[in-house]
């Protein structure tokens, strides 16, 4: 865990804590993308020096997070039967396609990150998922610790 002291406000609604958790998630995603870039030959990061690569990975992690936050829930709802039919293996393909879409959007924004095809995207998505999971285990999840509600609440329809 990041800290062993109790939550300062007691209710977890501090905007500073939310922002720090957001930055931590982006950093974890950037680290996972860095591992995937190093491990998978078809994922290219042609940025110059070390700082340039770090900034590029942070930008790509932000793009990847926005794509996952907007498209992934929609895809899960629409393809729910397909997920069940394939016993969850469709999630690997979806994650690979989302990583590939991240590459396309990064290219359109002139961010030097490129995924050369479907198979590198699939293997990269598997590596990003595993590394992100492992890093989140190491740093912990403050939301669970303080029993906060997720940032989006669903209300009842009357």
Protein backbone atom coordinates (compact mmCIF):
# COMPACT_ATOMS: atom_id res chain seq x y z
CA UNK A 1 0.00 0.00 0.00
CA UNK A 2 1.07 3.57 -0.53
CA UNK A 3 0.42 4.75 3.01
CA UNK A 4 -0.59 3.18 6.28
CA UNK A 5 -2.23 6.24 7.80
CA UNK A 6 -6.00 6.70 7.78
CA UNK A 7 -7.72 8.74 5.14
CA UNK A 8 -7.48 12.43 6.13
CA UNK A 9 -11.09 13.33 5.39
CA UNK A 10 -12.60 10.04 6.45
CA UNK A 11 -14.89 9.87 3.40
CA UNK A 12 -12.46 9.63 0.48
CA UNK A 13 -13.84 12.63 -1.39
CA UNK A 14 -10.67 14.69 -1.37
CA UNK A 15 -9.94 15.96 -4.88
CA UNK A 16 -6.20 15.78 -4.18
CA UNK A 17 -6.44 12.05 -3.43
CA UNK A 18 -8.52 11.46 -6.56
CA UNK A 19 -5.93 13.30 -8.66
CA UNK A 20 -3.05 11.35 -7.11
CA UNK A 21 -4.83 8.04 -7.80
CA UNK A 22 -5.43 9.18 -11.39
CA UNK A 23 -1.75 10.04 -11.83
CA UNK A 24 -0.77 6.70 -10.30
CA UNK A 25 -3.02 4.82 -12.74
CA UNK A 26 -1.57 6.72 -15.69
CA UNK A 27 1.97 5.98 -14.45
CA UNK A 28 1.14 2.27 -14.04
CA UNK A 29 -0.32 2.16 -17.56
CA UNK A 30 2.74 3.97 -18.92
CA UNK A 31 5.06 1.47 -17.22
CA UNK A 32 3.02 -1.44 -18.59
CA UNK A 33 3.13 0.07 -22.08
CA UNK A 34 6.90 0.49 -21.69
CA UNK A 35 7.28 -3.20 -20.86
CA UNK A 36 5.10 -4.13 -23.84
CA UNK A 37 7.20 -1.87 -26.09
CA UNK A 38 10.38 -3.59 -24.92
CA UNK A 39 8.95 -7.11 -25.13
CA UNK A 40 6.92 -7.10 -28.36
CA UNK A 41 8.80 -6.46 -31.63
CA UNK A 42 5.80 -4.92 -33.43
CA UNK A 43 5.22 -2.16 -30.87
CA UNK A 44 7.47 0.76 -31.72
CA UNK A 45 8.43 3.80 -29.68
CA UNK A 46 10.71 5.84 -31.97
CA UNK A 47 11.04 8.76 -29.53
CA UNK A 48 14.58 10.07 -28.99
CA UNK A 49 16.00 10.12 -25.47
CA UNK A 50 14.84 8.63 -22.19
CA UNK A 51 12.77 11.65 -21.13
CA UNK A 52 11.17 11.83 -24.54
CA UNK A 53 10.17 8.15 -24.28
CA UNK A 54 8.77 8.66 -20.77
CA UNK A 55 6.65 11.62 -21.89
CA UNK A 56 5.49 9.67 -24.94
CA UNK A 57 4.52 6.66 -22.81
CA UNK A 58 2.60 8.93 -20.42
CA UNK A 59 0.74 10.50 -23.36
CA UNK A 60 -0.05 7.09 -24.84
CA UNK A 61 -1.19 5.83 -21.42
CA UNK A 62 -3.55 8.79 -21.18
CA UNK A 63 -4.94 8.10 -24.66
CA UNK A 64 -5.25 4.37 -23.86
CA UNK A 65 -7.06 5.17 -20.61
CA UNK A 66 -9.53 7.48 -22.34
CA UNK A 67 -10.24 4.88 -25.03
CA UNK A 68 -10.71 2.15 -22.43
CA UNK A 69 -12.96 4.36 -20.31
CA UNK A 70 -15.22 5.28 -23.22
CA UNK A 71 -15.31 2.33 -25.61
CA UNK A 72 -14.66 -0.75 -23.49
CA UNK A 73 -17.90 -0.60 -21.43
CA UNK A 74 -19.92 -0.11 -24.61
CA UNK A 75 -18.18 -3.03 -26.31
CA UNK A 76 -18.77 -5.25 -23.27
CA UNK A 77 -22.49 -4.47 -23.24
CA UNK A 78 -22.94 -4.95 -26.98
CA UNK A 79 -20.79 -8.09 -27.13
CA UNK A 80 -21.84 -9.67 -23.84
CA UNK A 81 -23.11 -12.86 -25.46
CA UNK A 82 -19.89 -13.19 -27.46
CA UNK A 83 -17.85 -12.80 -24.27
CA UNK A 84 -19.84 -15.61 -22.64
CA UNK A 85 -19.72 -17.79 -25.76
CA UNK A 86 -15.91 -17.54 -26.00
CA UNK A 87 -15.41 -17.89 -22.21
CA UNK A 88 -13.80 -14.45 -22.05
CA UNK A 89 -11.25 -14.96 -24.81
CA UNK A 90 -12.97 -12.22 -26.80
CA UNK A 91 -11.68 -9.79 -24.16
CA UNK A 92 -8.11 -10.45 -25.36
CA UNK A 93 -9.08 -9.58 -28.92
CA UNK A 94 -10.99 -6.48 -27.79
CA UNK A 95 -8.03 -5.29 -25.68
CA UNK A 96 -5.70 -5.84 -28.63
CA UNK A 97 -7.97 -3.86 -30.94
CA UNK A 98 -8.18 -1.04 -28.37
CA UNK A 99 -4.38 -0.93 -28.17
CA UNK A 100 -4.24 -0.82 -31.95
CA UNK A 101 -6.81 2.02 -31.97
CA UNK A 102 -4.63 3.82 -29.42
CA UNK A 103 -1.76 3.57 -31.90
CA UNK A 104 -3.89 5.03 -34.67
CA UNK A 105 -5.06 7.95 -32.51
CA UNK A 106 -1.51 8.54 -31.22
CA UNK A 107 -0.33 8.69 -34.84
CA UNK A 108 -3.05 11.20 -35.70
CA UNK A 109 -1.93 13.34 -32.73
CA UNK A 110 1.72 13.06 -33.87
CA UNK A 111 2.70 11.03 -30.78
CA UNK A 112 5.57 8.70 -31.79
CA UNK A 113 3.97 5.36 -30.88
CA UNK A 114 3.05 2.69 -33.41
CA UNK A 115 1.64 -0.84 -33.33
CA UNK A 116 2.40 -2.58 -36.63
CA UNK A 117 -0.46 -5.07 -36.74
CA UNK A 118 -3.02 -7.24 -35.01
CA UNK A 119 -0.67 -9.82 -33.47
CA UNK A 120 1.67 -7.29 -31.86
CA UNK A 121 -1.44 -5.49 -30.56
CA UNK A 122 -2.81 -8.73 -29.10
CA UNK A 123 0.46 -9.69 -27.39
CA UNK A 124 0.97 -6.12 -26.26
CA UNK A 125 -2.50 -6.02 -24.72
CA UNK A 126 -1.81 -9.26 -22.85
CA UNK A 127 1.47 -7.87 -21.50
CA UNK A 128 -0.10 -4.51 -20.61
CA UNK A 129 -2.89 -6.31 -18.75
CA UNK A 130 -0.54 -8.58 -16.80
CA UNK A 131 1.95 -5.83 -15.91
CA UNK A 132 -0.84 -3.42 -14.90
CA UNK A 133 -2.40 -6.10 -12.72
CA UNK A 134 0.92 -6.86 -11.03
CA UNK A 135 1.74 -3.19 -10.45
CA UNK A 136 -1.72 -2.48 -9.05
CA UNK A 137 -1.18 -5.36 -6.62
CA UNK A 138 2.04 -3.70 -5.47
CA UNK A 139 0.68 -0.18 -5.07
CA UNK A 140 -2.78 -1.18 -3.84
CA UNK A 141 -6.16 0.29 -4.59
CA UNK A 142 -7.10 3.15 -2.29
CA UNK A 143 -10.76 3.00 -3.37
CA UNK A 144 -11.13 -0.49 -1.93
CA UNK A 145 -9.18 0.43 1.15
CA UNK A 146 -11.49 3.29 2.08
CA UNK A 147 -14.62 1.68 0.65
CA UNK A 148 -15.24 4.56 -1.71
CA UNK A 149 -17.89 4.32 -4.34
CA UNK A 150 -16.68 4.28 -7.93
CA UNK A 151 -16.49 7.69 -9.60
CA UNK A 152 -19.63 7.01 -11.66
CA UNK A 153 -22.85 6.14 -9.87
CA UNK A 154 -25.85 4.55 -11.51
CA UNK A 155 -29.21 5.67 -10.18
CA UNK A 156 -32.49 3.86 -10.21
CA UNK A 157 -34.95 4.60 -12.98
CA UNK A 158 -38.48 5.07 -11.74
